[in-house]
């Protein structure tokens, strides 16, 4: 199964829209593209396997596997890419500006509700990122 993230790049952040089976799920915010530099850039476009991961800090969440030159790229709640993200992707309910949104926890719950049940059945789920 696949989730699609369609990006629009801006100087101060990257905005996007998540789609599942052709239906829009929510928006997304990320850091601006800065040549995949660690912790200051969004990741390259591509196809990434999503996996479930647990930490005491975040509980169950999604991590992207095999991101070139990067580690620990997560999908997690955040409303301001510059202040809260280090290359990760944050679902948001409303886009406010470049790399800024609101109601991220609600949007994250929508993504998790789509992806977690598939992963719980030990099936693969991929995120396709493109512009």
C-alpha atoms as a PDB file:
ATOM      1  CA  UNK A   1       0.000   0.000   0.000  1.00  0.00           C
ATOM      2  CA  UNK A   2       1.103   3.556  -0.590  1.00  0.00           C
ATOM      3  CA  UNK A   3       0.621   7.007   0.844  1.00  0.00           C
ATOM      4  CA  UNK A   4       1.537   9.874  -1.446  1.00  0.00           C
ATOM      5  CA  UNK A   5       2.997  13.238  -0.403  1.00  0.00           C
ATOM      6  CA  UNK A   6       2.850  15.915  -3.111  1.00  0.00           C
ATOM      7  CA  UNK A   7       5.194  18.788  -2.244  1.00  0.00           C
ATOM      8  CA  UNK A   8       5.457  22.470  -3.083  1.00  0.00           C
ATOM      9  CA  UNK A   9       8.825  24.038  -2.295  1.00  0.00           C
ATOM     10  CA  UNK A  10       9.248  27.528  -0.851  1.00  0.00           C
ATOM     11  CA  UNK A  11      12.291  29.428   0.475  1.00  0.00           C
ATOM     12  CA  UNK A  12      11.125  29.189   4.113  1.00  0.00           C
ATOM     13  CA  UNK A  13       9.631  25.705   4.147  1.00  0.00           C
ATOM     14  CA  UNK A  14       8.063  22.911   2.161  1.00  0.00           C
ATOM     15  CA  UNK A  15       4.316  22.390   2.134  1.00  0.00           C
ATOM     16  CA  UNK A  16       2.521  19.344   0.888  1.00  0.00           C
ATOM     17  CA  UNK A  17      -0.617  17.280   0.693  1.00  0.00           C
ATOM     18  CA  UNK A  18      -0.990  13.638   1.737  1.00  0.00           C
ATOM     19  CA  UNK A  19      -3.139  11.394  -0.484  1.00  0.00           C
ATOM     20  CA  UNK A  20      -4.299   7.823   0.033  1.00  0.00           C
ATOM     21  CA  UNK A  21      -5.961   5.992  -2.863  1.00  0.00           C
ATOM     22  CA  UNK A  22      -6.362   9.327  -4.648  1.00  0.00           C
ATOM     23  CA  UNK A  23      -8.168  10.989  -1.739  1.00  0.00           C
ATOM     24  CA  UNK A  24      -6.639  13.902   0.157  1.00  0.00           C
ATOM     25  CA  UNK A  25      -5.988  13.038   3.816  1.00  0.00           C
ATOM     26  CA  UNK A  26      -4.360  16.197   5.189  1.00  0.00           C
ATOM     27  CA  UNK A  27      -1.567  18.703   4.561  1.00  0.00           C
ATOM     28  CA  UNK A  28       2.092  18.490   5.570  1.00  0.00           C
ATOM     29  CA  UNK A  29       4.940  20.793   6.526  1.00  0.00           C
ATOM     30  CA  UNK A  30       8.680  20.223   6.242  1.00  0.00           C
ATOM     31  CA  UNK A  31      11.904  22.185   6.220  1.00  0.00           C
ATOM     32  CA  UNK A  32      12.932  23.897   2.988  1.00  0.00           C
ATOM     33  CA  UNK A  33      15.004  21.908   0.487  1.00  0.00           C
ATOM     34  CA  UNK A  34      18.695  22.482   1.224  1.00  0.00           C
ATOM     35  CA  UNK A  35      20.323  19.644  -0.729  1.00  0.00           C
ATOM     36  CA  UNK A  36      19.442  16.982   1.868  1.00  0.00           C
ATOM     37  CA  UNK A  37      21.709  18.543   4.501  1.00  0.00           C
ATOM     38  CA  UNK A  38      21.285  16.752   7.811  1.00  0.00           C
ATOM     39  CA  UNK A  39      18.832  18.427  10.224  1.00  0.00           C
ATOM     40  CA  UNK A  40      18.304  21.550   8.075  1.00  0.00           C
ATOM     41  CA  UNK A  41      16.679  20.169   4.900  1.00  0.00           C
ATOM     42  CA  UNK A  42      13.683  18.103   3.952  1.00  0.00           C
ATOM     43  CA  UNK A  43      14.593  14.700   2.539  1.00  0.00           C
ATOM     44  CA  UNK A  44      14.845  13.872  -1.182  1.00  0.00           C
ATOM     45  CA  UNK A  45      11.824  12.891  -3.197  1.00  0.00           C
ATOM     46  CA  UNK A  46      11.466   9.143  -3.541  1.00  0.00           C
ATOM     47  CA  UNK A  47       9.781   5.982  -2.294  1.00  0.00           C
ATOM     48  CA  UNK A  48      10.333   5.076   1.343  1.00  0.00           C
ATOM     49  CA  UNK A  49       9.111   2.165   3.400  1.00  0.00           C
ATOM     50  CA  UNK A  50       7.176   3.209   6.501  1.00  0.00           C
ATOM     51  CA  UNK A  51       7.757   1.297   9.723  1.00  0.00           C
ATOM     52  CA  UNK A  52       6.245   1.485  13.178  1.00  0.00           C
ATOM     53  CA  UNK A  53       8.609   2.469  15.962  1.00  0.00           C
ATOM     54  CA  UNK A  54       8.163   2.947  19.702  1.00  0.00           C
ATOM     55  CA  UNK A  55       9.997   5.315  22.032  1.00  0.00           C
ATOM     56  CA  UNK A  56       9.133   6.490  25.529  1.00  0.00           C
ATOM     57  CA  UNK A  57       9.138  10.089  24.283  1.00  0.00           C
ATOM     58  CA  UNK A  58       6.800   9.679  21.285  1.00  0.00           C
ATOM     59  CA  UNK A  59       5.050   6.357  21.888  1.00  0.00           C
ATOM     60  CA  UNK A  60       4.176   4.540  18.634  1.00  0.00           C
ATOM     61  CA  UNK A  61       5.059   6.530  15.531  1.00  0.00           C
ATOM     62  CA  UNK A  62       6.197   6.147  11.934  1.00  0.00           C
ATOM     63  CA  UNK A  63       9.790   6.173  10.729  1.00  0.00           C
ATOM     64  CA  UNK A  64      10.968   6.223   7.109  1.00  0.00           C
ATOM     65  CA  UNK A  65      13.436   3.468   6.207  1.00  0.00           C
ATOM     66  CA  UNK A  66      16.514   3.863   4.009  1.00  0.00           C
ATOM     67  CA  UNK A  67      16.530   7.628   3.520  1.00  0.00           C
ATOM     68  CA  UNK A  68      19.765   8.419   1.636  1.00  0.00           C
ATOM     69  CA  UNK A  69      22.311  10.085   3.906  1.00  0.00           C
ATOM     70  CA  UNK A  70      19.816  10.500   6.741  1.00  0.00           C
ATOM     71  CA  UNK A  71      18.609   8.695   9.870  1.00  0.00           C
ATOM     72  CA  UNK A  72      15.619   8.926  12.183  1.00  0.00           C
ATOM     73  CA  UNK A  73      13.289  10.646   9.724  1.00  0.00           C
ATOM     74  CA  UNK A  74       9.894  10.449  11.404  1.00  0.00           C
ATOM     75  CA  UNK A  75       6.335  11.450  10.714  1.00  0.00           C
ATOM     76  CA  UNK A  76       5.333  13.322  13.868  1.00  0.00           C
ATOM     77  CA  UNK A  77       3.258  16.238  15.120  1.00  0.00           C
ATOM     78  CA  UNK A  78       4.640  19.763  14.672  1.00  0.00           C
ATOM     79  CA  UNK A  79       3.169  23.096  13.638  1.00  0.00           C
ATOM     80  CA  UNK A  80       6.362  25.021  12.741  1.00  0.00           C
ATOM     81  CA  UNK A  81       8.985  23.255  10.633  1.00  0.00           C
ATOM     82  CA  UNK A  82      11.871  25.591  11.496  1.00  0.00           C
ATOM     83  CA  UNK A  83      11.263  25.354  15.241  1.00  0.00           C
ATOM     84  CA  UNK A  84      10.128  21.722  15.591  1.00  0.00           C
ATOM     85  CA  UNK A  85      11.558  19.626  12.751  1.00  0.00           C
ATOM     86  CA  UNK A  86      15.044  18.325  11.959  1.00  0.00           C
ATOM     87  CA  UNK A  87      14.195  16.830   8.581  1.00  0.00           C
ATOM     88  CA  UNK A  88      11.056  14.981   9.654  1.00  0.00           C
ATOM     89  CA  UNK A  89       7.576  15.344   8.157  1.00  0.00           C
ATOM     90  CA  UNK A  90       4.656  16.804  10.101  1.00  0.00           C
ATOM     91  CA  UNK A  91       1.052  16.268   9.025  1.00  0.00           C
ATOM     92  CA  UNK A  92      -1.113  19.341   9.650  1.00  0.00           C
ATOM     93  CA  UNK A  93      -4.822  20.018   9.311  1.00  0.00           C
ATOM     94  CA  UNK A  94      -4.433  23.601   8.075  1.00  0.00           C
ATOM     95  CA  UNK A  95      -1.548  25.237   6.193  1.00  0.00           C
ATOM     96  CA  UNK A  96      -0.803  28.730   7.510  1.00  0.00           C
ATOM     97  CA  UNK A  97       2.425  29.715   5.741  1.00  0.00           C
ATOM     98  CA  UNK A  98       5.612  28.226   4.299  1.00  0.00           C
ATOM     99  CA  UNK A  99       6.513  25.386   6.668  1.00  0.00           C
ATOM    100  CA  UNK A 100       3.788  26.320   9.142  1.00  0.00           C
ATOM    101  CA  UNK A 101       0.445  24.736   9.943  1.00  0.00           C
ATOM    102  CA  UNK A 102      -1.997  24.005  12.744  1.00  0.00           C
ATOM    103  CA  UNK A 103      -3.824  21.107  14.367  1.00  0.00           C
ATOM    104  CA  UNK A 104      -0.972  18.719  13.660  1.00  0.00           C
ATOM    105  CA  UNK A 105      -2.009  16.087  16.211  1.00  0.00           C
ATOM    106  CA  UNK A 106      -5.402  15.691  14.505  1.00  0.00           C
ATOM    107  CA  UNK A 107      -3.754  15.254  11.107  1.00  0.00           C
ATOM    108  CA  UNK A 108      -1.201  12.800  12.497  1.00  0.00           C
ATOM    109  CA  UNK A 109      -4.031  10.696  13.924  1.00  0.00           C
ATOM    110  CA  UNK A 110      -5.530  10.453  10.408  1.00  0.00           C
ATOM    111  CA  UNK A 111      -2.231   9.248   8.935  1.00  0.00           C
ATOM    112  CA  UNK A 112      -1.694   6.734  11.731  1.00  0.00           C
ATOM    113  CA  UNK A 113      -5.261   5.412  11.343  1.00  0.00           C
ATOM    114  CA  UNK A 114      -4.487   4.587   7.707  1.00  0.00           C
ATOM    115  CA  UNK A 115      -0.981   3.163   8.099  1.00  0.00           C
ATOM    116  CA  UNK A 116      -0.890   1.414  11.502  1.00  0.00           C
ATOM    117  CA  UNK A 117      -3.549  -1.254  10.754  1.00  0.00           C
ATOM    118  CA  UNK A 118      -1.673  -2.332   7.623  1.00  0.00           C
ATOM    119  CA  UNK A 119       1.673  -2.501   9.419  1.00  0.00           C
ATOM    120  CA  UNK A 120       0.038  -4.383  12.303  1.00  0.00           C
ATOM    121  CA  UNK A 121      -0.864  -7.099   9.762  1.00  0.00           C
ATOM    122  CA  UNK A 122       2.846  -7.333   8.880  1.00  0.00           C
ATOM    123  CA  UNK A 123       2.241  -5.863   5.429  1.00  0.00           C
ATOM    124  CA  UNK A 124       4.409  -3.219   3.796  1.00  0.00           C
ATOM    125  CA  UNK A 125       3.397   0.415   3.456  1.00  0.00           C
ATOM    126  CA  UNK A 126       5.318   2.990   1.420  1.00  0.00           C
ATOM    127  CA  UNK A 127       5.432   6.778   1.291  1.00  0.00           C
ATOM    128  CA  UNK A 128       5.919   8.243  -2.185  1.00  0.00           C
ATOM    129  CA  UNK A 129       7.247  11.809  -2.057  1.00  0.00           C
ATOM    130  CA  UNK A 130       7.110  13.919  -5.221  1.00  0.00           C
ATOM    131  CA  UNK A 131       6.433  17.434  -6.436  1.00  0.00           C
END
